[in-house]
Protein backbone atom coordinates (compact mmCIF):
# COMPACT_ATOMS: atom_id res chain seq x y z
CA MET A 1 -21.95 -15.73 17.37
CA ARG A 2 -18.42 -16.41 18.60
CA ASN A 3 -19.21 -20.07 19.28
CA ASP A 4 -20.55 -20.29 15.72
CA TYR A 5 -17.26 -19.06 14.26
CA LEU A 6 -15.18 -21.08 16.66
CA GLU A 7 -16.85 -24.21 15.30
CA ARG A 8 -16.56 -22.99 11.72
CA VAL A 9 -12.82 -22.43 12.09
CA LEU A 10 -12.24 -25.77 13.79
CA THR A 11 -14.09 -27.63 11.03
CA ALA A 12 -12.71 -25.55 8.16
CA ARG A 13 -11.34 -27.54 5.21
CA VAL A 14 -8.16 -25.78 4.16
CA TYR A 15 -5.32 -28.28 4.47
CA ASP A 16 -6.05 -30.13 1.21
CA VAL A 17 -4.37 -27.18 -0.48
CA ALA A 18 -2.94 -24.91 2.24
CA ILE A 19 -0.01 -25.57 4.53
CA GLU A 20 0.37 -24.70 8.21
CA THR A 21 2.80 -21.82 7.77
CA PRO A 22 5.62 -21.23 10.23
CA LEU A 23 5.55 -18.59 12.97
CA GLU A 24 9.08 -17.21 12.78
CA GLU A 25 10.80 -14.73 15.03
CA ALA A 26 12.10 -11.62 13.25
CA VAL A 27 15.36 -11.56 15.19
CA ASN A 28 16.78 -8.29 13.80
CA LEU A 29 13.53 -6.37 14.04
CA SER A 30 12.93 -7.71 17.56
CA ALA A 31 16.31 -6.49 18.75
CA ARG A 32 15.85 -3.06 17.15
CA ILE A 33 12.39 -2.31 18.65
CA HIS A 34 12.99 -4.13 21.98
CA ASN A 35 10.06 -6.53 21.61
CA GLN A 36 9.76 -10.12 20.48
CA VAL A 37 8.27 -9.99 17.00
CA PHE A 38 6.95 -13.09 15.21
CA LEU A 39 5.98 -13.27 11.55
CA LYS A 40 3.17 -15.58 10.47
CA ARG A 41 4.58 -16.58 7.06
CA GLU A 42 1.49 -16.75 4.84
CA ASP A 43 3.76 -15.68 1.99
CA MET A 44 4.95 -19.31 1.97
CA GLN A 45 1.57 -20.69 0.83
CA PRO A 46 1.48 -22.39 -2.62
CA VAL A 47 0.06 -19.20 -4.16
CA PHE A 48 2.20 -16.94 -1.95
CA SER A 49 -0.82 -15.59 -0.09
CA PHE A 50 -3.34 -16.56 2.64
CA LYS A 51 -6.27 -16.15 0.24
CA LEU A 52 -6.53 -19.81 -0.79
CA ARG A 53 -7.59 -20.75 2.75
CA GLY A 54 -10.93 -18.99 2.54
CA ALA A 55 -11.51 -19.71 -1.13
CA TYR A 56 -10.97 -23.45 -0.71
CA ASN A 57 -13.04 -23.68 2.47
CA LYS A 58 -15.94 -22.02 0.68
CA MET A 59 -15.67 -24.18 -2.42
CA ALA A 60 -15.05 -27.50 -0.61
CA LYS A 61 -18.41 -27.13 1.07
CA LEU A 62 -20.32 -26.79 -2.20
CA SER A 63 -22.47 -29.73 -3.32
CA PRO A 64 -21.32 -31.85 -6.30
CA ALA A 65 -24.07 -30.28 -8.39
CA MET A 66 -22.89 -26.76 -7.55
CA LEU A 67 -19.29 -27.62 -8.28
CA LYS A 68 -20.37 -28.99 -11.65
CA ARG A 69 -21.91 -25.64 -12.54
CA GLY A 70 -18.64 -23.94 -11.69
CA VAL A 71 -17.57 -20.90 -9.70
CA ILE A 72 -17.04 -17.24 -10.54
CA ALA A 73 -14.90 -14.70 -8.69
CA ALA A 74 -13.76 -11.10 -9.14
CA SER A 75 -10.18 -10.25 -8.24
CA ALA A 76 -7.11 -8.39 -9.38
CA GLY A 77 -4.67 -10.71 -7.69
CA ASN A 78 -4.37 -13.09 -4.74
CA HIS A 79 -8.01 -14.12 -4.36
CA ALA A 80 -8.01 -15.04 -8.05
CA GLN A 81 -5.08 -17.42 -7.61
CA GLY A 82 -6.68 -18.94 -4.49
CA VAL A 83 -9.95 -19.66 -6.33
CA ALA A 84 -8.07 -21.01 -9.34
CA LEU A 85 -6.02 -23.42 -7.25
CA ALA A 86 -9.08 -24.53 -5.29
CA ALA A 87 -10.98 -25.19 -8.55
CA GLN A 88 -8.09 -27.23 -9.86
CA LYS A 89 -8.04 -29.32 -6.73
CA LEU A 90 -11.83 -29.80 -6.68
CA ASP A 91 -11.98 -30.44 -10.47
CA CYS A 92 -14.47 -27.67 -11.21
CA SER A 93 -14.42 -24.82 -13.68
CA ALA A 94 -13.54 -21.31 -12.50
CA THR A 95 -14.01 -17.99 -14.25
CA ILE A 96 -12.11 -15.03 -12.82
CA VAL A 97 -13.18 -11.54 -13.82
CA MET A 98 -10.22 -9.19 -13.58
CA PRO A 99 -9.93 -5.46 -14.36
CA VAL A 100 -8.28 -4.66 -17.73
CA THR A 101 -5.52 -2.86 -15.76
CA THR A 102 -4.41 -6.09 -14.07
CA PRO A 103 -0.67 -6.74 -14.61
CA GLN A 104 0.04 -9.53 -17.10
CA ILE A 105 2.05 -11.50 -14.53
CA LYS A 106 -1.06 -11.91 -12.39
CA ILE A 107 -3.22 -12.86 -15.35
CA ASN A 108 -0.67 -15.50 -16.42
CA ALA A 109 -0.51 -16.93 -12.86
CA VAL A 110 -4.28 -17.46 -12.78
CA MET A 111 -4.40 -18.98 -16.25
CA ALA A 112 -1.54 -21.30 -15.37
CA LEU A 113 -3.73 -22.82 -12.67
CA GLY A 114 -6.42 -23.65 -15.26
CA ALA A 115 -8.95 -20.90 -14.63
CA THR A 116 -10.59 -18.85 -17.36
CA VAL A 117 -9.71 -15.17 -17.13
CA LEU A 118 -12.16 -12.52 -18.35
CA LEU A 119 -10.91 -8.93 -18.43
CA TYR A 120 -13.59 -6.34 -17.76
CA GLY A 121 -13.66 -2.71 -16.58
CA ASP A 122 -11.04 -0.38 -15.22
CA SER A 123 -11.47 -1.14 -11.51
CA TYR A 124 -12.22 -4.01 -9.14
CA ASN A 125 -15.75 -2.63 -8.68
CA ASP A 126 -16.40 -2.92 -12.42
CA ALA A 127 -15.11 -6.51 -12.44
CA TYR A 128 -17.13 -7.34 -9.32
CA GLU A 129 -20.43 -6.12 -10.79
CA HIS A 130 -19.81 -8.00 -14.00
CA ALA A 131 -18.93 -11.17 -12.08
CA LEU A 132 -22.26 -10.99 -10.23
CA GLU A 133 -24.13 -10.64 -13.56
CA LEU A 134 -22.29 -13.69 -14.93
CA THR A 135 -23.14 -15.67 -11.81
CA GLN A 136 -26.86 -15.07 -12.42
CA GLN A 137 -26.62 -15.84 -16.13
CA GLU A 138 -24.68 -19.08 -15.72
CA ASP A 139 -26.29 -20.28 -12.46
CA ALA A 140 -22.80 -20.57 -11.00
CA THR A 141 -21.58 -19.90 -7.44
CA PHE A 142 -19.91 -16.59 -6.65
CA VAL A 143 -16.90 -16.87 -4.35
CA HIS A 144 -16.66 -13.57 -2.45
CA PRO A 145 -13.13 -12.47 -1.49
CA TYR A 146 -14.09 -11.57 2.08
CA ASP A 147 -17.77 -11.15 2.97
CA ASP A 148 -18.75 -14.80 3.38
CA PRO A 149 -18.82 -16.86 6.63
CA ASP A 150 -17.00 -19.82 5.07
CA VAL A 151 -14.29 -17.55 3.59
CA ILE A 152 -13.94 -15.81 7.00
CA ALA A 153 -13.65 -19.14 8.75
CA GLY A 154 -10.99 -20.32 6.33
CA GLN A 155 -8.87 -17.26 7.04
CA GLY A 156 -9.51 -17.82 10.74
CA THR A 157 -7.41 -20.97 10.67
CA ILE A 158 -4.42 -18.64 10.74
CA GLY A 159 -5.47 -17.57 14.23
CA MET A 160 -5.90 -21.20 15.22
CA GLU A 161 -2.36 -21.99 14.07
CA ILE A 162 -0.85 -18.99 15.88
CA LEU A 163 -2.30 -20.07 19.21
CA ARG A 164 -1.22 -23.64 18.66
CA GLN A 165 2.30 -22.57 17.69
CA HIS A 166 2.85 -20.07 20.50
CA GLY A 167 -0.02 -20.27 22.97
CA ALA A 168 -0.46 -17.79 25.79
CA GLY A 169 1.73 -14.73 26.23
CA ILE A 170 0.96 -12.97 22.99
CA TYR A 171 0.26 -9.28 23.62
CA ALA A 172 -1.14 -8.34 20.16
CA ILE A 173 -1.67 -9.70 16.68
CA PHE A 174 -1.41 -7.20 13.80
CA VAL A 175 -3.43 -7.95 10.68
CA PRO A 176 -3.67 -6.21 7.27
CA VAL A 177 -7.19 -5.05 6.49
CA GLY A 178 -8.84 -4.67 3.07
CA GLY A 179 -12.40 -5.98 3.02
CA GLY A 180 -11.97 -7.42 6.49
CA GLY A 181 -12.13 -11.20 5.93
CA LEU A 182 -8.68 -12.00 7.37
CA ILE A 183 -8.97 -9.91 10.53
CA SER A 184 -12.56 -11.05 11.16
CA GLY A 185 -11.60 -14.72 11.01
CA ILE A 186 -8.55 -14.32 13.23
CA ALA A 187 -10.37 -12.16 15.77
CA ALA A 188 -13.40 -14.47 15.96
CA TYR A 189 -11.19 -17.42 16.91
CA VAL A 190 -8.53 -15.74 19.05
CA LYS A 191 -10.89 -13.56 21.08
CA ARG A 192 -13.04 -16.57 21.94
CA LEU A 193 -10.10 -18.32 23.61
CA TYR A 194 -7.82 -15.43 24.67
CA PRO A 195 -9.90 -12.26 24.88
CA GLU A 196 -6.95 -10.36 26.42
CA ILE A 197 -4.91 -10.64 23.19
CA LYS A 198 -5.28 -7.41 21.24
CA ILE A 199 -6.33 -7.71 17.59
CA ILE A 200 -5.08 -4.65 15.74
CA GLY A 201 -5.87 -4.00 12.08
CA VAL A 202 -3.60 -2.02 9.77
CA GLU A 203 -4.68 -0.06 6.73
CA PRO A 204 -2.93 2.41 4.38
CA VAL A 205 -3.85 6.01 5.04
CA ASP A 206 -5.36 6.26 1.55
CA SER A 207 -7.34 2.98 1.71
CA ASP A 208 -8.93 3.28 5.15
CA ALA A 209 -12.46 1.93 4.53
CA MET A 210 -12.63 -0.11 7.75
CA TYR A 211 -11.15 2.64 9.88
CA CYS A 212 -13.67 5.19 8.55
CA SER A 213 -16.53 2.73 8.95
CA LEU A 214 -15.72 1.93 12.56
CA GLN A 215 -15.34 5.65 13.31
CA LYS A 216 -18.78 6.40 11.82
CA GLY A 217 -20.50 3.33 13.27
CA HIS A 218 -21.67 2.17 9.82
CA ARG A 219 -20.06 1.03 6.60
CA VAL A 220 -18.57 3.93 4.64
CA LYS A 221 -17.93 3.71 0.90
CA LEU A 222 -14.74 5.52 -0.08
CA SER A 223 -14.85 7.62 -3.25
CA GLN A 224 -11.36 6.42 -4.20
CA VAL A 225 -8.51 4.36 -2.81
CA GLY A 226 -4.76 4.35 -3.11
CA LEU A 227 -3.30 1.56 -5.20
CA PHE A 228 0.19 1.08 -3.84
CA ALA A 229 -0.97 -1.65 -1.44
CA ASP A 230 -3.36 -3.03 -4.08
CA GLY A 231 -4.14 -6.15 -2.08
CA VAL A 232 -6.10 -4.05 0.42
CA ALA A 233 -7.42 -1.37 -1.97
CA VAL A 234 -11.08 -1.87 -1.03
CA ARG A 235 -13.64 0.97 -1.17
CA TYR A 236 -16.42 -0.77 0.77
CA VAL A 237 -15.90 -3.35 3.52
CA GLY A 238 -18.12 -6.38 3.93
CA GLU A 239 -21.34 -6.36 5.95
CA GLU A 240 -20.41 -9.43 8.00
CA THR A 241 -16.78 -8.42 8.35
CA PHE A 242 -17.79 -4.98 9.56
CA ARG A 243 -20.06 -6.54 12.19
CA LEU A 244 -17.29 -8.77 13.47
CA CYS A 245 -14.73 -5.99 13.51
CA GLN A 246 -17.08 -3.73 15.46
CA GLU A 247 -17.36 -6.36 18.16
CA LEU A 248 -13.91 -7.94 18.22
CA VAL A 249 -11.18 -5.67 16.85
CA ASP A 250 -9.36 -3.43 19.35
CA GLU A 251 -8.09 -0.79 16.93
CA ILE A 252 -7.32 0.03 13.29
CA PHE A 253 -3.93 1.64 12.76
CA LEU A 254 -3.09 3.72 9.66
CA VAL A 255 0.33 3.84 7.98
CA ASP A 256 1.71 5.57 4.87
CA ALA A 257 3.49 4.16 1.84
CA ASP A 258 6.94 4.99 3.13
CA ALA A 259 6.31 3.02 6.33
CA ILE A 260 5.15 0.06 4.21
CA CYS A 261 8.32 0.22 2.11
CA ALA A 262 10.41 0.26 5.30
CA ALA A 263 8.51 -2.79 6.56
CA ILE A 264 9.22 -4.67 3.31
CA LYS A 265 12.91 -4.01 3.91
CA ASP A 266 12.62 -5.11 7.57
CA VAL A 267 11.13 -8.46 6.59
CA PHE A 268 13.70 -8.92 3.83
CA GLU A 269 16.56 -8.33 6.27
CA ASP A 270 15.21 -11.00 8.62
CA THR A 271 13.95 -13.60 6.14
CA ARG A 272 15.32 -12.69 2.68
CA ALA A 273 11.68 -12.81 1.50
CA ILE A 274 10.20 -9.89 -0.39
CA LEU A 275 6.61 -9.20 0.67
CA GLU A 276 4.17 -7.28 -1.45
CA PRO A 277 3.01 -3.93 0.03
CA SER A 278 -0.19 -5.34 1.53
CA GLY A 279 1.81 -8.31 2.82
CA ALA A 280 4.06 -6.05 4.88
CA LEU A 281 1.28 -3.75 6.05
CA SER A 282 0.96 -5.47 9.44
CA VAL A 283 4.67 -5.06 10.16
CA ALA A 284 4.47 -1.33 9.41
CA GLY A 285 1.51 -1.03 11.80
CA LEU A 286 3.27 -3.08 14.46
CA LYS A 287 6.30 -0.73 14.39
CA ALA A 288 4.10 2.37 14.53
CA TYR A 289 2.09 0.96 17.42
CA VAL A 290 5.23 0.10 19.39
CA ASP A 291 6.48 3.64 18.84
CA ARG A 292 3.23 5.25 19.93
CA GLU A 293 2.68 3.05 22.99
CA LYS A 294 6.39 2.90 23.95
CA LEU A 295 6.08 -0.90 24.27
CA ARG A 296 8.95 -2.95 25.61
CA HIS A 297 9.47 -6.67 26.07
CA LYS A 298 6.09 -7.74 24.64
CA THR A 299 5.37 -10.64 22.28
CA LEU A 300 3.86 -9.36 19.04
CA VAL A 301 2.72 -11.21 15.93
CA ALA A 302 2.39 -9.74 12.44
CA ILE A 303 0.70 -11.53 9.56
CA ALA A 304 2.99 -11.59 6.53
CA SER A 305 -0.01 -12.05 4.28
CA GLY A 306 1.47 -12.26 0.81
CA ALA A 307 4.44 -11.98 -1.54
CA ASN A 308 2.95 -11.45 -4.99
CA MET A 309 5.18 -8.48 -5.65
CA ASN A 310 5.50 -7.01 -9.13
CA PHE A 311 9.21 -6.94 -9.86
CA ASP A 312 9.12 -3.41 -11.31
CA ARG A 313 7.90 -2.03 -7.99
CA LEU A 314 11.17 -2.87 -6.26
CA ARG A 315 12.90 0.32 -7.37
CA HIS A 316 10.19 2.45 -5.75
CA VAL A 317 10.27 0.33 -2.57
CA SER A 318 14.03 0.60 -2.20
CA GLU A 319 13.96 4.40 -2.79
CA ARG A 320 11.31 4.99 -0.15
CA ALA A 321 12.36 2.47 2.50
CA GLU A 322 15.02 4.63 4.06
CA LEU A 323 12.57 7.55 4.30
CA GLY A 324 9.97 5.29 5.85
CA GLU A 325 12.50 4.15 8.42
CA GLN A 326 13.47 7.81 8.92
CA ARG A 327 17.05 6.94 8.05
CA GLU A 328 17.38 9.48 5.26
CA ALA A 329 16.92 13.24 5.49
CA LEU A 330 15.98 15.21 2.36
CA MET A 331 16.75 18.92 2.52
CA ALA A 332 16.70 22.00 0.34
CA VAL A 333 19.56 24.23 1.47
CA THR A 334 20.25 27.79 0.32
CA ILE A 335 23.96 28.72 0.37
CA PRO A 336 25.76 31.92 -0.79
CA GLU A 337 26.95 31.81 -4.43
CA GLU A 338 30.53 32.64 -3.44
CA PRO A 339 33.89 30.83 -3.16
CA GLY A 340 34.16 28.59 -0.11
CA SER A 341 30.44 28.32 0.65
CA PHE A 342 30.11 24.89 -0.93
CA LYS A 343 33.04 23.56 1.08
CA LYS A 344 31.57 25.06 4.28
CA PHE A 345 28.26 23.37 3.59
CA CYS A 346 29.90 19.95 3.02
CA ALA A 347 31.90 20.35 6.22
CA LEU A 348 28.70 20.97 8.21
CA LEU A 349 27.27 17.66 6.90
CA GLY A 350 30.17 15.92 8.58
CA ALA A 351 31.08 12.32 7.88
CA ARG A 352 27.51 11.30 7.06
CA SER A 353 26.84 9.39 3.82
CA ILE A 354 25.31 11.64 1.17
CA THR A 355 22.57 9.76 -0.72
CA GLU A 356 21.71 12.51 -3.18
CA PHE A 357 23.09 15.84 -4.21
CA ASN A 358 21.57 18.13 -6.83
CA TYR A 359 22.69 21.62 -7.63
CA ARG A 360 22.65 24.00 -10.59
CA TYR A 361 23.66 27.63 -10.93
CA ALA A 362 20.61 29.81 -11.07
CA ASP A 363 21.36 33.14 -9.37
CA PRO A 364 24.48 35.28 -8.89
CA LYS A 365 23.88 35.72 -5.15
CA LYS A 366 22.52 32.38 -3.88
CA ALA A 367 22.45 28.71 -4.81
CA HIS A 368 19.81 26.13 -3.96
CA VAL A 369 21.05 22.62 -3.18
CA PHE A 370 18.83 19.55 -2.92
CA VAL A 371 20.59 16.98 -0.74
CA GLY A 372 19.86 13.59 0.78
CA VAL A 373 21.82 12.45 3.84
CA SER A 374 21.82 9.14 5.72
CA VAL A 375 20.87 9.51 9.39
CA HIS A 376 20.16 7.04 12.22
CA ASN A 377 16.79 8.52 13.20
CA ARG A 378 14.50 11.50 12.90
CA GLU A 379 16.08 13.23 15.88
CA GLU A 380 19.46 13.28 14.16
CA ALA A 381 17.87 14.76 11.03
CA LEU A 382 16.30 17.58 13.02
CA ASN A 383 19.54 18.33 14.84
CA LEU A 384 21.37 18.49 11.51
CA ILE A 385 18.84 21.01 10.15
CA LYS A 386 19.15 23.12 13.28
CA ASN A 387 22.95 23.13 12.93
CA LEU A 388 22.76 24.24 9.30
CA GLU A 389 20.34 27.03 10.21
CA ALA A 390 22.61 28.10 13.13
CA ASN A 391 25.45 28.49 10.64
CA GLY A 392 23.45 30.85 8.44
CA LEU A 393 22.23 28.36 5.84
CA ARG A 394 18.50 28.47 5.23
CA THR A 395 17.29 24.85 5.29
CA GLU A 396 13.88 23.41 4.29
CA ASP A 397 13.09 19.90 5.55
CA MET A 398 11.81 17.95 2.54
CA SER A 399 11.71 14.47 4.10
CA GLY A 400 7.93 14.53 4.31
CA ASN A 401 7.30 16.52 1.10
CA GLU A 402 5.63 14.16 -1.40
CA MET A 403 6.40 16.24 -4.42
CA ALA A 404 10.06 16.52 -3.45
CA LYS A 405 10.33 12.76 -2.97
CA LEU A 406 8.54 11.81 -6.16
CA HIS A 407 9.64 14.42 -8.69
CA ILE A 408 11.84 17.34 -7.70
CA ARG A 409 14.76 15.19 -6.61
CA HIS A 410 15.03 14.13 -10.27
CA MET A 411 14.39 17.56 -11.79
CA VAL A 412 16.53 20.13 -9.94
CA GLY A 413 17.75 22.82 -12.30
CA GLY A 414 14.66 22.99 -14.47
CA ARG A 415 13.94 26.67 -13.84
CA SER A 416 12.72 28.83 -16.75
CA ARG A 417 12.43 32.59 -16.48
CA ASP A 418 10.39 32.93 -19.67
CA VAL A 419 7.31 31.09 -18.43
CA LYS A 420 4.28 33.20 -17.70
CA ASN A 421 1.28 32.42 -15.46
CA GLU A 422 2.60 28.93 -14.69
CA ILE A 423 0.61 26.68 -12.39
CA LEU A 424 1.87 23.30 -11.22
CA TYR A 425 -0.25 20.20 -10.57
CA ARG A 426 0.59 16.64 -9.56
CA PHE A 427 -1.62 13.93 -11.02
CA GLU A 428 -2.12 10.16 -10.70
CA PHE A 429 -2.82 8.83 -14.21
CA PRO A 430 -4.23 5.36 -14.68
CA ASP A 431 -1.23 3.42 -16.00
CA ARG A 432 -2.89 2.25 -19.19
CA PRO A 433 -2.79 3.20 -22.85
CA GLY A 434 -4.78 6.32 -23.63
CA ALA A 435 -4.53 7.96 -20.23
CA LEU A 436 -2.19 10.72 -21.46
CA MET A 437 -4.24 11.35 -24.62
CA ASN A 438 -7.37 11.67 -22.50
CA PHE A 439 -5.61 14.31 -20.47
CA LEU A 440 -4.43 16.22 -23.55
CA ASN A 441 -7.74 15.93 -25.38
CA ASN A 442 -9.58 17.46 -22.45
CA MET A 443 -7.09 20.27 -21.99
CA SER A 444 -7.64 23.60 -23.75
CA HIS A 445 -5.31 24.17 -26.69
CA LEU A 446 -4.70 27.64 -25.34
CA TRP A 447 -2.84 26.30 -22.31
CA ASN A 448 0.81 25.63 -22.98
CA ILE A 449 2.50 22.73 -21.10
CA SER A 450 5.59 24.27 -19.61
CA LEU A 451 6.75 21.26 -17.55
CA PHE A 452 6.03 17.55 -17.66
CA HIS A 453 7.59 14.82 -15.54
CA TYR A 454 6.54 11.21 -15.40
CA ARG A 455 8.14 8.30 -13.64
CA ASN A 456 6.94 4.71 -13.60
CA HIS A 457 6.98 3.36 -10.10
CA GLY A 458 5.61 -0.08 -10.87
CA ALA A 459 2.18 0.75 -9.44
CA ASP A 460 -1.22 0.59 -11.17
CA PHE A 461 -1.04 4.29 -11.82
CA GLY A 462 1.52 6.79 -13.10
CA ARG A 463 2.70 9.79 -11.10
CA VAL A 464 2.86 12.88 -13.27
CA LEU A 465 3.95 16.44 -12.56
CA VAL A 466 2.63 19.01 -15.03
CA GLY A 467 3.27 22.74 -15.33
CA MET A 468 0.87 24.76 -17.55
CA GLU A 469 0.60 28.38 -18.54
CA VAL A 470 -2.99 29.32 -17.66
CA PRO A 471 -3.98 33.03 -17.71
CA PRO A 472 -5.82 34.21 -14.57
CA SER A 473 -8.94 34.88 -16.65
CA GLU A 474 -9.22 31.18 -17.49
CA LYS A 475 -8.90 29.79 -13.96
CA ASN A 476 -12.61 28.76 -13.88
CA ASP A 477 -12.20 26.86 -17.15
CA PHE A 478 -9.17 25.12 -15.71
CA LYS A 479 -11.15 24.13 -12.59
CA ASN A 480 -13.82 22.60 -14.83
CA PHE A 481 -11.13 20.72 -16.72
CA LEU A 482 -9.86 19.20 -13.47
CA ASP A 483 -13.34 18.23 -12.29
CA ASN A 484 -14.19 16.51 -15.55
CA LEU A 485 -10.86 14.75 -15.97
CA GLY A 486 -11.51 12.08 -13.36
CA TYR A 487 -7.87 11.74 -12.19
CA ARG A 488 -6.63 12.37 -8.66
CA TYR A 489 -4.72 15.67 -8.49
CA TRP A 490 -2.95 18.03 -6.14
CA ASP A 491 -2.25 21.75 -6.65
CA GLU A 492 1.50 22.20 -6.05
CA SER A 493 1.75 25.82 -7.26
CA ASN A 494 2.57 27.05 -3.75
CA ASN A 495 4.82 24.14 -2.78
CA PRO A 496 8.06 25.60 -1.33
CA VAL A 497 10.25 23.11 -3.21
CA TYR A 498 8.67 24.28 -6.50
CA LYS A 499 9.44 27.92 -5.69
CA LEU A 500 13.05 27.09 -4.82
CA PHE A 501 13.97 24.95 -7.81
CA LEU A 502 11.48 25.44 -10.67
CA ALA A 503 9.48 28.67 -10.45
């Protein structure tokens, strides 16, 4: 099997369209984590992603008759552009089925390369199923984004380049994982020549299809996936990619969105390039792995897999990067509502930079302050909290509280004493027209909305915080409403930050 993929990679046809990307040292990151870190700059490809390697290798091996009938693919982003560019180079027609929720910038990029774009369904799975139907109807060739030996081999040329550019001495290569095509190709080549090099996959905690599959020993289909790192938002990994990962991959590491945002900033500080979330995933995993294993003085490689970042996501990334790097502490501090207490509180914060400060009078005896403070690391944040507590100021650490980070920091002071039977829920709405009306139409007219907060973070979904007055006798009806709605939700009614600032 390995010999088969070794030959496939060595004979892969990718360089008609792809370039051999540089392997660059991340000097600042290397110094900070005490290891030599190299970035494989796949974001520098003509379509700003590695995906064209596999797409072109697959299509270049089609017969003239098959090329004449055209190709069809399903994608919401990078694979679509890879197929479109390959079709342009090979002078064949390409139809790309994309979900209707695909950002216009990605649709325009595919059309600019000459492909036909067909919008269908609300998710990648909908688009994928429709693309397969079209393939049968039109007798065309379907170009799978990951579960195809020629696609896997095309991605494997990245591993070939890494070994040629650096050779022996690499301790581990960190690879983002969605459907598994990239890590399978790299592992199949690298492990054949240097089995001692660790191949470590990285997935978001809310899109962990390969991790769950390897844990269970068979492919697991996720009921839903997170969309922040949309390039790896795959519910069901490939059959062939799962087989290769089972045999060749050393470990799958999971990271959260804050860690990904911090990694985007790390790469920017070293290269001035802005990776998309899935493109920086491997860097986030590398940092977490170094921290867990206490690694020092090793040579580590991270695949910077893509840079097709939506511009309107940058605000969210910049907000969360400091938290992901644990260089900001968010706290809810209770101080006496009396002269001098505010000054005492500020003095205890010392000379640290205050990133956020929210306060509003709410009680004659005590005041609740929501504050963000710059720190050097997590240990400093914990010591600051201990010091505040030791000085009689009750302090809640909100640095890991998702509701606090997404909503409450923008809403402090919104308390109402006239609200009865209020419950609070956090939702992820599909960011498309009609999503709010669907919510309102399904909600009972007897339930009054007492709080509503929405903020666009540039993702494919909107984060919404909703307070509603629901009598205890109607809790079962409310549960049915949630189950039938079809949106992801979290009950935040007992969240401590809600009780401090809004209840």
